[in-house]
Amino acid sequence: MPNGEIIYPQKAASVKTYPGKNRIQLEWVISDPKVTHCKVLYEQGGIQNETTVQKNMDNDTTRVVISNLEETLCKFKIISYDDFGHASIPVEVDELAYGVNYEQTLLNRTLKGFEVDDSRDELILEWYDAVDDTETGIELTYTDINGVAQTVFFASSETTTTLPDFKLGEPLHISTTYKPVPTAIDVFSTDPTKVDLAKTVNVALNKPVKQSGYALNDPQYAGGKAVDGMTAGNNSRWISDMTHFNEHWIEIDLQDDYSIFALRLFRQSNVQSMPMWRFQAWVDGEWVTVVSHDNNTALTHYEEFESVTTNKVRWYIPPYDDNTVRLFEIEVYSNVVY
């Protein structure tokens, strides 16, 4: 060369980038023992910065994390140097930094359903599948029966979770975690959000009952058969006293206050079709008629009504000819929040 030889130290090889939250990690390999340090020049939005990184003398791989980055594409230029000021050919790469804007697009996993095991104080949660393959898992926080805050984490591949010693009535919060790419150095999370543990429940199921009477004074026809969960079959029905056609009724103790909004009846086909009936709720010390029918003979009947809060209900048949009751099941619905 007219002005003497130009010496180029080894340039950065096998350059890799790892995005994070407002930061990016760079990694490269230099085996040349004469290289002592590198400069990393980086640019975002026309603003340039640089940092000097000493070469890793223990092995050939050097790593550096560039922090305080904007949530946008960042361009990097890596130049290696020896102690005599010789510079390598620049190596250029770019990578996207993530931040608040990305986090605001993230969604929590959706609850599909749940069951409460009162005998074991367990809450069993069933989830829909992960939104996409960037989800890494779910973090749940809750209070146990001893009043102690608990945090559990499960992987994105899981769709069923059991929370032991869950204290009913205390909030359950969810935060879903994500990595925008598999190589990301940071995990991103949604803001903790309260999980709505509410579902429609038949609050009459297996509750204590009273009745005006039952056929032949035989317990197999008693009112409890109408709330045992069996909606068909001669072995599970309330049959009223058949010796008269006075009023008949079955009263169900819900054992707690519920806001009820619907009922369903399963009646047995018979010439005595029970067309006239009332569904009533106990409100302020008296029976209030919520649903009234004078000619309703549908064997299976579902009806919604304006919600009413009560702790007991009854199905009432007024006196009329051939008003004998044959009722497989009565269901009363409430949206229960746990």
C-alpha atoms as a PDB file:
ATOM      1  CA  MET A   1       0.000   0.000   0.000  1.00  0.00           C
ATOM      2  CA  PRO A   2       1.355   3.483  -0.810  1.00  0.00           C
ATOM      3  CA  ASN A   3       0.940   4.597   2.812  1.00  0.00           C
ATOM      4  CA  GLY A   4       1.818   1.273   4.388  1.00  0.00           C
ATOM      5  CA  GLU A   5      -0.349  -1.697   5.262  1.00  0.00           C
ATOM      6  CA  ILE A   6      -3.750  -1.299   6.944  1.00  0.00           C
ATOM      7  CA  ILE A   7      -4.272  -3.633   9.876  1.00  0.00           C
ATOM      8  CA  TYR A   8      -7.816  -4.801  10.595  1.00  0.00           C
ATOM      9  CA  PRO A   9      -8.390  -6.681  13.861  1.00  0.00           C
ATOM     10  CA  GLN A  10     -10.912  -9.509  13.728  1.00  0.00           C
ATOM     11  CA  LYS A  11     -14.457  -8.240  13.418  1.00  0.00           C
ATOM     12  CA  ALA A  12     -17.280  -9.423  15.645  1.00  0.00           C
ATOM     13  CA  ALA A  13     -18.562 -12.826  14.516  1.00  0.00           C
ATOM     14  CA  SER A  14     -21.737 -14.797  15.250  1.00  0.00           C
ATOM     15  CA  VAL A  15     -23.506 -11.641  16.432  1.00  0.00           C
ATOM     16  CA  LYS A  16     -26.781 -12.314  18.228  1.00  0.00           C
ATOM     17  CA  THR A  17     -29.400  -9.963  19.635  1.00  0.00           C
ATOM     18  CA  TYR A  18     -31.792 -10.584  22.535  1.00  0.00           C
ATOM     19  CA  PRO A  19     -34.615  -8.060  22.980  1.00  0.00           C
ATOM     20  CA  GLY A  20     -35.977  -6.994  26.362  1.00  0.00           C
ATOM     21  CA  LYS A  21     -37.993  -4.301  28.075  1.00  0.00           C
ATOM     22  CA  ASN A  22     -36.435  -1.025  26.903  1.00  0.00           C
ATOM     23  CA  ARG A  23     -33.137  -2.842  26.550  1.00  0.00           C
ATOM     24  CA  ILE A  24     -31.331  -5.212  24.198  1.00  0.00           C
ATOM     25  CA  GLN A  25     -28.535  -7.667  24.860  1.00  0.00           C
ATOM     26  CA  LEU A  26     -25.813  -8.134  22.240  1.00  0.00           C
ATOM     27  CA  GLU A  27     -23.527 -11.124  21.998  1.00  0.00           C
ATOM     28  CA  TRP A  28     -20.596 -11.799  19.666  1.00  0.00           C
ATOM     29  CA  VAL A  29     -17.470 -13.915  19.324  1.00  0.00           C
ATOM     30  CA  ILE A  30     -13.866 -12.721  18.792  1.00  0.00           C
ATOM     31  CA  SER A  31     -10.987 -15.200  18.975  1.00  0.00           C
ATOM     32  CA  ASP A  32      -8.216 -12.733  17.959  1.00  0.00           C
ATOM     33  CA  PRO A  33      -6.043 -12.304  21.104  1.00  0.00           C
ATOM     34  CA  LYS A  34      -4.925  -8.864  19.929  1.00  0.00           C
ATOM     35  CA  VAL A  35      -8.463  -7.444  20.277  1.00  0.00           C
ATOM     36  CA  THR A  36      -8.843  -5.812  23.687  1.00  0.00           C
ATOM     37  CA  HIS A  37     -12.129  -3.948  23.455  1.00  0.00           C
ATOM     38  CA  CYS A  38     -15.059  -3.053  21.227  1.00  0.00           C
ATOM     39  CA  LYS A  39     -17.207  -0.040  20.672  1.00  0.00           C
ATOM     40  CA  VAL A  40     -20.943  -0.403  20.220  1.00  0.00           C
ATOM     41  CA  LEU A  41     -22.539   2.473  18.373  1.00  0.00           C
ATOM     42  CA  TYR A  42     -26.320   2.515  18.411  1.00  0.00           C
ATOM     43  CA  GLU A  43     -28.994   4.711  16.923  1.00  0.00           C
ATOM     44  CA  GLN A  44     -32.705   5.234  17.557  1.00  0.00           C
ATOM     45  CA  GLY A  45     -34.764   7.938  15.889  1.00  0.00           C
ATOM     46  CA  GLY A  46     -31.683   9.673  14.537  1.00  0.00           C
ATOM     47  CA  ILE A  47     -30.024   9.926  17.976  1.00  0.00           C
ATOM     48  CA  GLN A  48     -26.654   8.178  18.233  1.00  0.00           C
ATOM     49  CA  ASN A  49     -24.938   6.823  21.322  1.00  0.00           C
ATOM     50  CA  GLU A  50     -21.979   4.602  21.968  1.00  0.00           C
ATOM     51  CA  THR A  51     -20.496   2.456  24.689  1.00  0.00           C
ATOM     52  CA  THR A  52     -17.136   0.718  25.101  1.00  0.00           C
ATOM     53  CA  VAL A  53     -17.049  -2.950  26.029  1.00  0.00           C
ATOM     54  CA  GLN A  54     -13.913  -4.723  27.213  1.00  0.00           C
ATOM     55  CA  LYS A  55     -13.230  -8.049  25.543  1.00  0.00           C
ATOM     56  CA  ASN A  56     -13.939 -11.100  27.632  1.00  0.00           C
ATOM     57  CA  MET A  57     -10.503 -12.570  28.325  1.00  0.00           C
ATOM     58  CA  ASP A  58     -11.867 -15.793  29.851  1.00  0.00           C
ATOM     59  CA  ASN A  59     -13.426 -16.979  26.593  1.00  0.00           C
ATOM     60  CA  ASP A  60     -14.183 -15.707  23.123  1.00  0.00           C
ATOM     61  CA  THR A  61     -17.773 -14.591  23.778  1.00  0.00           C
ATOM     62  CA  THR A  62     -18.577 -11.033  24.811  1.00  0.00           C
ATOM     63  CA  ARG A  63     -21.975  -9.838  26.008  1.00  0.00           C
ATOM     64  CA  VAL A  64     -23.360  -6.402  26.776  1.00  0.00           C
ATOM     65  CA  VAL A  65     -26.829  -5.068  27.642  1.00  0.00           C
ATOM     66  CA  ILE A  66     -27.790  -1.699  26.162  1.00  0.00           C
ATOM     67  CA  SER A  67     -30.403  -0.119  28.450  1.00  0.00           C
ATOM     68  CA  ASN A  68     -32.697   2.933  28.458  1.00  0.00           C
ATOM     69  CA  LEU A  69     -33.864   2.327  24.908  1.00  0.00           C
ATOM     70  CA  GLU A  70     -37.026   3.624  23.304  1.00  0.00           C
ATOM     71  CA  GLU A  71     -39.663   1.101  22.278  1.00  0.00           C
ATOM     72  CA  THR A  72     -38.639   1.006  18.643  1.00  0.00           C
ATOM     73  CA  LEU A  73     -36.075  -0.459  16.274  1.00  0.00           C
ATOM     74  CA  CYS A  74     -32.458   0.082  17.332  1.00  0.00           C
ATOM     75  CA  LYS A  75     -29.527  -0.103  14.877  1.00  0.00           C
ATOM     76  CA  PHE A  76     -26.171  -1.298  16.174  1.00  0.00           C
ATOM     77  CA  LYS A  77     -22.632  -1.106  14.815  1.00  0.00           C
ATOM     78  CA  ILE A  78     -19.919  -3.147  16.523  1.00  0.00           C
ATOM     79  CA  ILE A  79     -16.226  -2.269  15.947  1.00  0.00           C
ATOM     80  CA  SER A  80     -13.357  -4.139  17.577  1.00  0.00           C
ATOM     81  CA  TYR A  81      -9.997  -2.537  18.505  1.00  0.00           C
ATOM     82  CA  ASP A  82      -6.522  -3.529  19.574  1.00  0.00           C
ATOM     83  CA  ASP A  83      -4.262  -1.532  21.876  1.00  0.00           C
ATOM     84  CA  PHE A  84      -2.673   0.245  18.913  1.00  0.00           C
ATOM     85  CA  GLY A  85      -5.859   1.894  17.718  1.00  0.00           C
ATOM     86  CA  HIS A  86      -6.457  -0.436  14.819  1.00  0.00           C
ATOM     87  CA  ALA A  87     -10.189  -0.806  14.083  1.00  0.00           C
ATOM     88  CA  SER A  88     -12.038  -3.728  12.530  1.00  0.00           C
ATOM     89  CA  ILE A  89     -14.572  -3.614   9.756  1.00  0.00           C
ATOM     90  CA  PRO A  90     -17.925  -2.635  11.395  1.00  0.00           C
ATOM     91  CA  VAL A  91     -20.601  -5.260  11.862  1.00  0.00           C
ATOM     92  CA  GLU A  92     -24.167  -3.956  11.738  1.00  0.00           C
ATOM     93  CA  VAL A  93     -27.305  -5.506  13.225  1.00  0.00           C
ATOM     94  CA  ASP A  94     -30.676  -4.224  14.381  1.00  0.00           C
ATOM     95  CA  GLU A  95     -33.259  -5.336  16.917  1.00  0.00           C
ATOM     96  CA  LEU A  96     -36.582  -4.160  18.312  1.00  0.00           C
ATOM     97  CA  ALA A  97     -36.852  -3.036  21.927  1.00  0.00           C
ATOM     98  CA  TYR A  98     -40.206  -3.676  23.648  1.00  0.00           C
ATOM     99  CA  GLY A  99     -41.943  -1.663  26.340  1.00  0.00           C
ATOM    100  CA  VAL A 100     -45.230  -0.346  27.692  1.00  0.00           C
ATOM    101  CA  ASN A 101     -46.948  -0.197  24.308  1.00  0.00           C
ATOM    102  CA  TYR A 102     -46.301  -3.886  23.775  1.00  0.00           C
ATOM    103  CA  GLU A 103     -47.511  -4.763  27.283  1.00  0.00           C
ATOM    104  CA  GLN A 104     -50.773  -2.904  26.686  1.00  0.00           C
ATOM    105  CA  THR A 105     -51.593  -5.274  23.827  1.00  0.00           C
ATOM    106  CA  LEU A 106     -51.331  -8.362  26.021  1.00  0.00           C
ATOM    107  CA  LEU A 107     -54.411 -10.264  27.131  1.00  0.00           C
ATOM    108  CA  ASN A 108     -55.070 -12.383  30.189  1.00  0.00           C
ATOM    109  CA  ARG A 109     -55.959 -16.022  29.743  1.00  0.00           C
ATOM    110  CA  THR A 110     -59.734 -16.509  29.759  1.00  0.00           C
ATOM    111  CA  LEU A 111     -61.430 -18.615  32.418  1.00  0.00           C
ATOM    112  CA  LYS A 112     -63.550 -21.377  30.881  1.00  0.00           C
ATOM    113  CA  GLY A 113     -65.155 -22.676  34.067  1.00  0.00           C
ATOM    114  CA  PHE A 114     -64.547 -23.609  37.664  1.00  0.00           C
ATOM    115  CA  GLU A 115     -65.676 -25.900  40.450  1.00  0.00           C
ATOM    116  CA  VAL A 116     -65.565 -25.396  44.201  1.00  0.00           C
ATOM    117  CA  ASP A 117     -64.835 -28.415  46.386  1.00  0.00           C
ATOM    118  CA  ASP A 118     -66.188 -27.260  49.744  1.00  0.00           C
ATOM    119  CA  SER A 119     -65.116 -30.441  51.515  1.00  0.00           C
ATOM    120  CA  ARG A 120     -61.454 -29.841  50.635  1.00  0.00           C
ATOM    121  CA  ASP A 121     -61.492 -26.035  50.321  1.00  0.00           C
ATOM    122  CA  GLU A 122     -60.220 -26.391  46.776  1.00  0.00           C
ATOM    123  CA  LEU A 123     -60.894 -24.236  43.764  1.00  0.00           C
ATOM    124  CA  ILE A 124     -60.497 -26.050  40.441  1.00  0.00           C
ATOM    125  CA  LEU A 125     -60.071 -23.686  37.488  1.00  0.00           C
ATOM    126  CA  GLU A 126     -60.401 -24.625  33.824  1.00  0.00           C
ATOM    127  CA  TRP A 127     -58.877 -22.256  31.264  1.00  0.00           C
ATOM    128  CA  TYR A 128     -59.157 -21.776  27.537  1.00  0.00           C
ATOM    129  CA  ASP A 129     -55.975 -22.425  25.569  1.00  0.00           C
ATOM    130  CA  ALA A 130     -53.230 -19.807  25.457  1.00  0.00           C
ATOM    131  CA  VAL A 131     -53.844 -16.874  23.127  1.00  0.00           C
ATOM    132  CA  ASP A 132     -50.702 -17.684  21.118  1.00  0.00           C
ATOM    133  CA  ASP A 133     -47.268 -19.235  21.502  1.00  0.00           C
ATOM    134  CA  THR A 134     -45.766 -16.063  22.995  1.00  0.00           C
ATOM    135  CA  GLU A 135     -47.553 -16.760  26.290  1.00  0.00           C
ATOM    136  CA  THR A 136     -45.239 -18.322  28.873  1.00  0.00           C
ATOM    137  CA  GLY A 137     -47.621 -18.871  31.766  1.00  0.00           C
ATOM    138  CA  ILE A 138     -50.048 -17.508  34.325  1.00  0.00           C
ATOM    139  CA  GLU A 139     -49.479 -16.155  37.806  1.00  0.00           C
ATOM    140  CA  LEU A 140     -52.370 -16.365  40.263  1.00  0.00           C
ATOM    141  CA  THR A 141     -52.559 -14.653  43.652  1.00  0.00           C
ATOM    142  CA  TYR A 142     -55.158 -15.491  46.265  1.00  0.00           C
ATOM    143  CA  THR A 143     -55.749 -15.748  50.008  1.00  0.00           C
ATOM    144  CA  ASP A 144     -55.857 -19.153  51.679  1.00  0.00           C
ATOM    145  CA  ILE A 145     -58.138 -20.244  54.505  1.00  0.00           C
ATOM    146  CA  ASN A 146     -55.526 -19.115  57.036  1.00  0.00           C
ATOM    147  CA  GLY A 147     -55.550 -15.576  55.665  1.00  0.00           C
ATOM    148  CA  VAL A 148     -52.110 -15.942  54.067  1.00  0.00           C
ATOM    149  CA  ALA A 149     -51.477 -14.526  50.582  1.00  0.00           C
ATOM    150  CA  GLN A 150     -50.411 -17.187  48.093  1.00  0.00           C
ATOM    151  CA  THR A 151     -48.901 -16.947  44.614  1.00  0.00           C
ATOM    152  CA  VAL A 152     -48.793 -19.831  42.159  1.00  0.00           C
ATOM    153  CA  PHE A 153     -47.448 -20.010  38.621  1.00  0.00           C
ATOM    154  CA  PHE A 154     -48.270 -22.527  35.928  1.00  0.00           C
ATOM    155  CA  ALA A 155     -47.020 -22.980  32.402  1.00  0.00           C
ATOM    156  CA  SER A 156     -48.879 -21.921  29.280  1.00  0.00           C
ATOM    157  CA  SER A 157     -49.435 -25.557  28.306  1.00  0.00           C
ATOM    158  CA  GLU A 158     -51.662 -26.169  31.341  1.00  0.00           C
ATOM    159  CA  THR A 159     -55.414 -25.657  31.104  1.00  0.00           C
ATOM    160  CA  THR A 160     -56.481 -26.865  34.566  1.00  0.00           C
ATOM    161  CA  THR A 161     -55.325 -25.440  37.879  1.00  0.00           C
ATOM    162  CA  THR A 162     -56.171 -26.473  41.431  1.00  0.00           C
ATOM    163  CA  LEU A 163     -55.789 -23.938  44.216  1.00  0.00           C
ATOM    164  CA  PRO A 164     -55.602 -25.654  47.629  1.00  0.00           C
ATOM    165  CA  ASP A 165     -57.070 -24.054  50.746  1.00  0.00           C
ATOM    166  CA  PHE A 166     -58.769 -21.322  48.704  1.00  0.00           C
ATOM    167  CA  LYS A 167     -60.760 -18.934  50.884  1.00  0.00           C
ATOM    168  CA  LEU A 168     -64.130 -18.297  49.296  1.00  0.00           C
ATOM    169  CA  GLY A 169     -65.127 -14.663  49.137  1.00  0.00           C
ATOM    170  CA  GLU A 170     -61.551 -13.418  48.823  1.00  0.00           C
ATOM    171  CA  PRO A 171     -60.386 -12.071  45.430  1.00  0.00           C
ATOM    172  CA  LEU A 172     -58.405 -14.079  42.924  1.00  0.00           C
ATOM    173  CA  HIS A 173     -56.072 -12.122  40.634  1.00  0.00           C
ATOM    174  CA  ILE A 174     -54.468 -13.210  37.380  1.00  0.00           C
ATOM    175  CA  SER A 175     -51.420 -11.924  35.529  1.00  0.00           C
ATOM    176  CA  THR A 176     -50.463 -13.591  32.253  1.00  0.00           C
ATOM    177  CA  THR A 177     -46.808 -13.587  31.200  1.00  0.00           C
ATOM    178  CA  TYR A 178     -45.382 -13.347  27.700  1.00  0.00           C
ATOM    179  CA  LYS A 179     -42.146 -13.323  25.742  1.00  0.00           C
ATOM    180  CA  PRO A 180     -42.474 -11.472  22.418  1.00  0.00           C
ATOM    181  CA  VAL A 181     -39.847 -13.816  20.924  1.00  0.00           C
ATOM    182  CA  PRO A 182     -38.258 -16.948  22.413  1.00  0.00           C
ATOM    183  CA  THR A 183     -34.889 -15.195  22.735  1.00  0.00           C
ATOM    184  CA  ALA A 184     -36.204 -12.261  24.786  1.00  0.00           C
ATOM    185  CA  ILE A 185     -34.295 -11.593  28.005  1.00  0.00           C
ATOM    186  CA  ASP A 186     -37.344 -10.185  29.809  1.00  0.00           C
ATOM    187  CA  VAL A 187     -40.792 -11.541  30.570  1.00  0.00           C
ATOM    188  CA  PHE A 188     -43.713  -9.176  30.067  1.00  0.00           C
ATOM    189  CA  SER A 189     -46.879  -9.320  32.152  1.00  0.00           C
ATOM    190  CA  THR A 190     -50.421  -8.069  32.037  1.00  0.00           C
ATOM    191  CA  ASP A 191     -51.576  -5.932  34.946  1.00  0.00           C
ATOM    192  CA  PRO A 192     -53.048  -8.109  37.737  1.00  0.00           C
ATOM    193  CA  THR A 193     -56.774  -8.413  37.089  1.00  0.00           C
ATOM    194  CA  LYS A 194     -59.498  -9.787  39.333  1.00  0.00           C
ATOM    195  CA  VAL A 195     -60.976 -13.059  38.066  1.00  0.00           C
ATOM    196  CA  ASP A 196     -64.773 -13.052  38.109  1.00  0.00           C
ATOM    197  CA  LEU A 197     -65.709 -16.295  39.872  1.00  0.00           C
ATOM    198  CA  ALA A 198     -69.392 -16.264  39.056  1.00  0.00           C
ATOM    199  CA  LYS A 199     -71.629 -18.884  37.498  1.00  0.00           C
ATOM    200  CA  THR A 200     -75.259 -19.875  37.265  1.00  0.00           C
ATOM    201  CA  VAL A 201     -76.142 -22.386  39.973  1.00  0.00           C
ATOM    202  CA  ASN A 202     -79.240 -24.394  40.779  1.00  0.00           C
ATOM    203  CA  VAL A 203     -79.490 -23.242  44.395  1.00  0.00           C
ATOM    204  CA  ALA A 204     -82.395 -25.587  45.129  1.00  0.00           C
ATOM    205  CA  LEU A 205     -80.341 -28.737  44.555  1.00  0.00           C
ATOM    206  CA  ASN A 206     -80.316 -31.065  47.579  1.00  0.00           C
ATOM    207  CA  LYS A 207     -81.721 -28.369  49.877  1.00  0.00           C
ATOM    208  CA  PRO A 208     -84.127 -29.129  52.771  1.00  0.00           C
ATOM    209  CA  VAL A 209     -87.806 -29.155  51.801  1.00  0.00           C
ATOM    210  CA  LYS A 210     -91.244 -29.132  53.366  1.00  0.00           C
ATOM    211  CA  GLN A 211     -94.363 -30.193  51.530  1.00  0.00           C
ATOM    212  CA  SER A 212     -98.086 -30.098  52.031  1.00  0.00           C
ATOM    213  CA  GLY A 213     -98.115 -33.886  51.953  1.00  0.00           C
ATOM    214  CA  TYR A 214     -97.145 -36.847  49.806  1.00  0.00           C
ATOM    215  CA  ALA A 215     -98.908 -39.851  48.346  1.00  0.00           C
ATOM    216  CA  LEU A 216     -99.770 -42.781  50.588  1.00  0.00           C
ATOM    217  CA  ASN A 217     -97.530 -41.261  53.282  1.00  0.00           C
ATOM    218  CA  ASP A 218     -94.774 -43.164  51.501  1.00  0.00           C
ATOM    219  CA  PRO A 219     -91.350 -41.426  51.803  1.00  0.00           C
ATOM    220  CA  GLN A 220     -90.447 -42.509  48.276  1.00  0.00           C
ATOM    221  CA  TYR A 221     -92.886 -39.818  47.088  1.00  0.00           C
ATOM    222  CA  ALA A 222     -91.739 -37.100  49.508  1.00  0.00           C
ATOM    223  CA  GLY A 223     -90.750 -33.609  48.404  1.00  0.00           C
ATOM    224  CA  GLY A 224     -87.021 -34.242  48.710  1.00  0.00           C
ATOM    225  CA  LYS A 225     -87.249 -36.278  45.515  1.00  0.00           C
ATOM    226  CA  ALA A 226     -87.965 -33.039  43.618  1.00  0.00           C
ATOM    227  CA  VAL A 227     -84.570 -31.503  44.478  1.00  0.00           C
ATOM    228  CA  ASP A 228     -82.292 -34.552  44.217  1.00  0.00           C
ATOM    229  CA  GLY A 229     -80.938 -33.702  40.766  1.00  0.00           C
ATOM    230  CA  MET A 230     -82.825 -36.480  38.948  1.00  0.00           C
ATOM    231  CA  THR A 231     -85.140 -35.079  36.286  1.00  0.00           C
ATOM    232  CA  ALA A 232     -86.854 -38.305  35.282  1.00  0.00           C
ATOM    233  CA  GLY A 233     -87.750 -41.723  36.634  1.00  0.00           C
ATOM    234  CA  ASN A 234     -90.549 -42.979  38.859  1.00  0.00           C
ATOM    235  CA  ASN A 235     -88.106 -43.433  41.726  1.00  0.00           C
ATOM    236  CA  SER A 236     -87.442 -39.705  41.900  1.00  0.00           C
ATOM    237  CA  ARG A 237     -90.609 -37.652  42.004  1.00  0.00           C
ATOM    238  CA  TRP A 238     -92.767 -35.808  44.466  1.00  0.00           C
ATOM    239  CA  ILE A 239     -96.359 -36.958  44.337  1.00  0.00           C
ATOM    240  CA  SER A 240     -98.751 -34.901  46.399  1.00  0.00           C
ATOM    241  CA  ASP A 241    -101.449 -36.322  48.653  1.00  0.00           C
ATOM    242  CA  MET A 242    -103.964 -37.879  46.261  1.00  0.00           C
ATOM    243  CA  THR A 243    -106.832 -38.118  48.741  1.00  0.00           C
ATOM    244  CA  HIS A 244    -107.994 -34.532  48.167  1.00  0.00           C
ATOM    245  CA  PHE A 245    -107.673 -31.626  45.734  1.00  0.00           C
ATOM    246  CA  ASN A 246    -106.877 -28.946  48.231  1.00  0.00           C
ATOM    247  CA  GLU A 247    -103.812 -26.759  47.786  1.00  0.00           C
ATOM    248  CA  HIS A 248    -100.466 -28.506  47.352  1.00  0.00           C
ATOM    249  CA  TRP A 249     -97.067 -26.965  47.808  1.00  0.00           C
ATOM    250  CA  ILE A 250     -93.397 -27.722  48.188  1.00  0.00           C
ATOM    251  CA  GLU A 251     -91.200 -25.280  50.110  1.00  0.00           C
ATOM    252  CA  ILE A 252     -87.427 -25.227  49.607  1.00  0.00           C
ATOM    253  CA  ASP A 253     -85.047 -23.783  52.179  1.00  0.00           C
ATOM    254  CA  LEU A 254     -82.163 -22.275  50.160  1.00  0.00           C
ATOM    255  CA  GLN A 255     -80.130 -21.965  53.391  1.00  0.00           C
ATOM    256  CA  ASP A 256     -78.781 -18.563  52.368  1.00  0.00           C
ATOM    257  CA  ASP A 257     -79.876 -15.378  50.663  1.00  0.00           C
ATOM    258  CA  TYR A 258     -79.719 -15.620  46.875  1.00  0.00           C
ATOM    259  CA  SER A 259     -80.735 -13.340  44.063  1.00  0.00           C
ATOM    260  CA  ILE A 260     -82.769 -15.771  41.973  1.00  0.00           C
ATOM    261  CA  PHE A 261     -83.829 -15.083  38.382  1.00  0.00           C
ATOM    262  CA  ALA A 262     -85.179 -18.294  36.819  1.00  0.00           C
ATOM    263  CA  LEU A 263     -86.774 -21.671  37.466  1.00  0.00           C
ATOM    264  CA  ARG A 264     -87.146 -24.922  35.580  1.00  0.00           C
ATOM    265  CA  LEU A 265     -89.806 -27.608  36.113  1.00  0.00           C
ATOM    266  CA  PHE A 266     -89.727 -31.275  35.101  1.00  0.00           C
ATOM    267  CA  ARG A 267     -93.223 -32.721  35.403  1.00  0.00           C
ATOM    268  CA  GLN A 268     -94.553 -36.200  34.771  1.00  0.00           C
ATOM    269  CA  SER A 269     -96.965 -36.764  31.920  1.00  0.00           C
ATOM    270  CA  ASN A 270    -100.392 -37.551  33.344  1.00  0.00           C
ATOM    271  CA  VAL A 271    -104.010 -36.662  32.793  1.00  0.00           C
ATOM    272  CA  GLN A 272    -103.566 -34.532  35.889  1.00  0.00           C
ATOM    273  CA  SER A 273    -101.314 -32.018  34.142  1.00  0.00           C
ATOM    274  CA  MET A 274    -101.049 -29.359  36.880  1.00  0.00           C
ATOM    275  CA  PRO A 275    -101.909 -26.446  34.541  1.00  0.00           C
ATOM    276  CA  MET A 276    -102.435 -23.882  37.306  1.00  0.00           C
ATOM    277  CA  TRP A 277     -99.491 -23.053  39.562  1.00  0.00           C
ATOM    278  CA  ARG A 278     -97.563 -20.261  41.262  1.00  0.00           C
ATOM    279  CA  PHE A 279     -93.880 -19.886  41.987  1.00  0.00           C
ATOM    280  CA  GLN A 280     -93.334 -17.835  45.124  1.00  0.00           C
ATOM    281  CA  ALA A 281     -90.449 -16.309  47.102  1.00  0.00           C
ATOM    282  CA  TRP A 282     -90.306 -15.478  50.798  1.00  0.00           C
ATOM    283  CA  VAL A 283     -89.852 -11.697  51.017  1.00  0.00           C
ATOM    284  CA  ASP A 284     -90.258  -9.527  54.121  1.00  0.00           C
ATOM    285  CA  GLY A 285     -92.054 -12.248  56.028  1.00  0.00           C
ATOM    286  CA  GLU A 286     -94.598 -13.257  53.387  1.00  0.00           C
ATOM    287  CA  TRP A 287     -94.924 -15.286  50.203  1.00  0.00           C
ATOM    288  CA  VAL A 288     -94.678 -13.147  47.078  1.00  0.00           C
ATOM    289  CA  THR A 289     -95.777 -14.626  43.749  1.00  0.00           C
ATOM    290  CA  VAL A 290     -92.976 -14.303  41.226  1.00  0.00           C
ATOM    291  CA  VAL A 291     -94.420 -16.428  38.398  1.00  0.00           C
ATOM    292  CA  SER A 292     -98.092 -17.234  37.880  1.00  0.00           C
ATOM    293  CA  HIS A 293     -99.704 -19.575  35.339  1.00  0.00           C
ATOM    294  CA  ASP A 294    -103.316 -20.694  34.901  1.00  0.00           C
ATOM    295  CA  ASN A 295    -102.819 -22.920  31.881  1.00  0.00           C
ATOM    296  CA  ASN A 296     -99.264 -24.154  31.676  1.00  0.00           C
ATOM    297  CA  THR A 297     -98.935 -27.866  31.049  1.00  0.00           C
ATOM    298  CA  ALA A 298     -95.469 -28.095  29.479  1.00  0.00           C
ATOM    299  CA  LEU A 299     -93.720 -31.105  30.975  1.00  0.00           C
ATOM    300  CA  THR A 300     -90.408 -29.238  30.920  1.00  0.00           C
ATOM    301  CA  HIS A 301     -90.729 -25.528  31.520  1.00  0.00           C
ATOM    302  CA  TYR A 302     -88.004 -22.888  31.908  1.00  0.00           C
ATOM    303  CA  GLU A 303     -88.811 -19.289  32.748  1.00  0.00           C
ATOM    304  CA  GLU A 304     -86.820 -16.231  33.733  1.00  0.00           C
ATOM    305  CA  PHE A 305     -88.229 -13.429  35.847  1.00  0.00           C
ATOM    306  CA  GLU A 306     -87.152 -10.183  37.456  1.00  0.00           C
ATOM    307  CA  SER A 307     -84.570 -11.131  40.050  1.00  0.00           C
ATOM    308  CA  VAL A 308     -85.619 -11.293  43.678  1.00  0.00           C
ATOM    309  CA  THR A 309     -83.520 -11.902  46.786  1.00  0.00           C
ATOM    310  CA  THR A 310     -84.778 -14.606  49.098  1.00  0.00           C
ATOM    311  CA  ASN A 311     -83.733 -17.507  51.292  1.00  0.00           C
ATOM    312  CA  LYS A 312     -86.638 -19.822  50.523  1.00  0.00           C
ATOM    313  CA  VAL A 313     -89.079 -20.481  47.703  1.00  0.00           C
ATOM    314  CA  ARG A 314     -92.122 -22.612  47.055  1.00  0.00           C
ATOM    315  CA  TRP A 315     -94.043 -24.051  44.158  1.00  0.00           C
ATOM    316  CA  TYR A 316     -97.737 -23.699  44.916  1.00  0.00           C
ATOM    317  CA  ILE A 317    -100.761 -25.445  43.376  1.00  0.00           C
ATOM    318  CA  PRO A 318    -104.108 -23.832  44.288  1.00  0.00           C
ATOM    319  CA  PRO A 319    -107.217 -25.970  44.900  1.00  0.00           C
ATOM    320  CA  TYR A 320    -108.940 -27.254  41.753  1.00  0.00           C
ATOM    321  CA  ASP A 321    -110.160 -30.600  40.450  1.00  0.00           C
ATOM    322  CA  ASP A 322    -107.498 -33.167  39.594  1.00  0.00           C
ATOM    323  CA  ASN A 323    -104.645 -30.998  40.894  1.00  0.00           C
ATOM    324  CA  THR A 324    -102.486 -33.909  42.056  1.00  0.00           C
ATOM    325  CA  VAL A 325     -98.795 -33.095  41.645  1.00  0.00           C
ATOM    326  CA  ARG A 326     -96.281 -35.370  39.965  1.00  0.00           C
ATOM    327  CA  LEU A 327     -93.040 -33.429  39.923  1.00  0.00           C
ATOM    328  CA  PHE A 328     -89.693 -34.941  38.945  1.00  0.00           C
ATOM    329  CA  GLU A 329     -87.593 -31.861  39.709  1.00  0.00           C
ATOM    330  CA  ILE A 330     -87.694 -28.139  40.375  1.00  0.00           C
ATOM    331  CA  GLU A 331     -84.570 -26.056  39.756  1.00  0.00           C
ATOM    332  CA  VAL A 332     -84.049 -22.483  40.919  1.00  0.00           C
ATOM    333  CA  TYR A 333     -81.223 -20.437  39.409  1.00  0.00           C
ATOM    334  CA  SER A 334     -78.957 -17.755  40.784  1.00  0.00           C
ATOM    335  CA  ASN A 335     -75.728 -16.180  39.551  1.00  0.00           C
ATOM    336  CA  VAL A 336     -73.460 -17.049  42.449  1.00  0.00           C
ATOM    337  CA  VAL A 337     -70.231 -15.103  42.994  1.00  0.00           C
ATOM    338  CA  TYR A 338     -67.521 -16.960  44.936  1.00  0.00           C
END
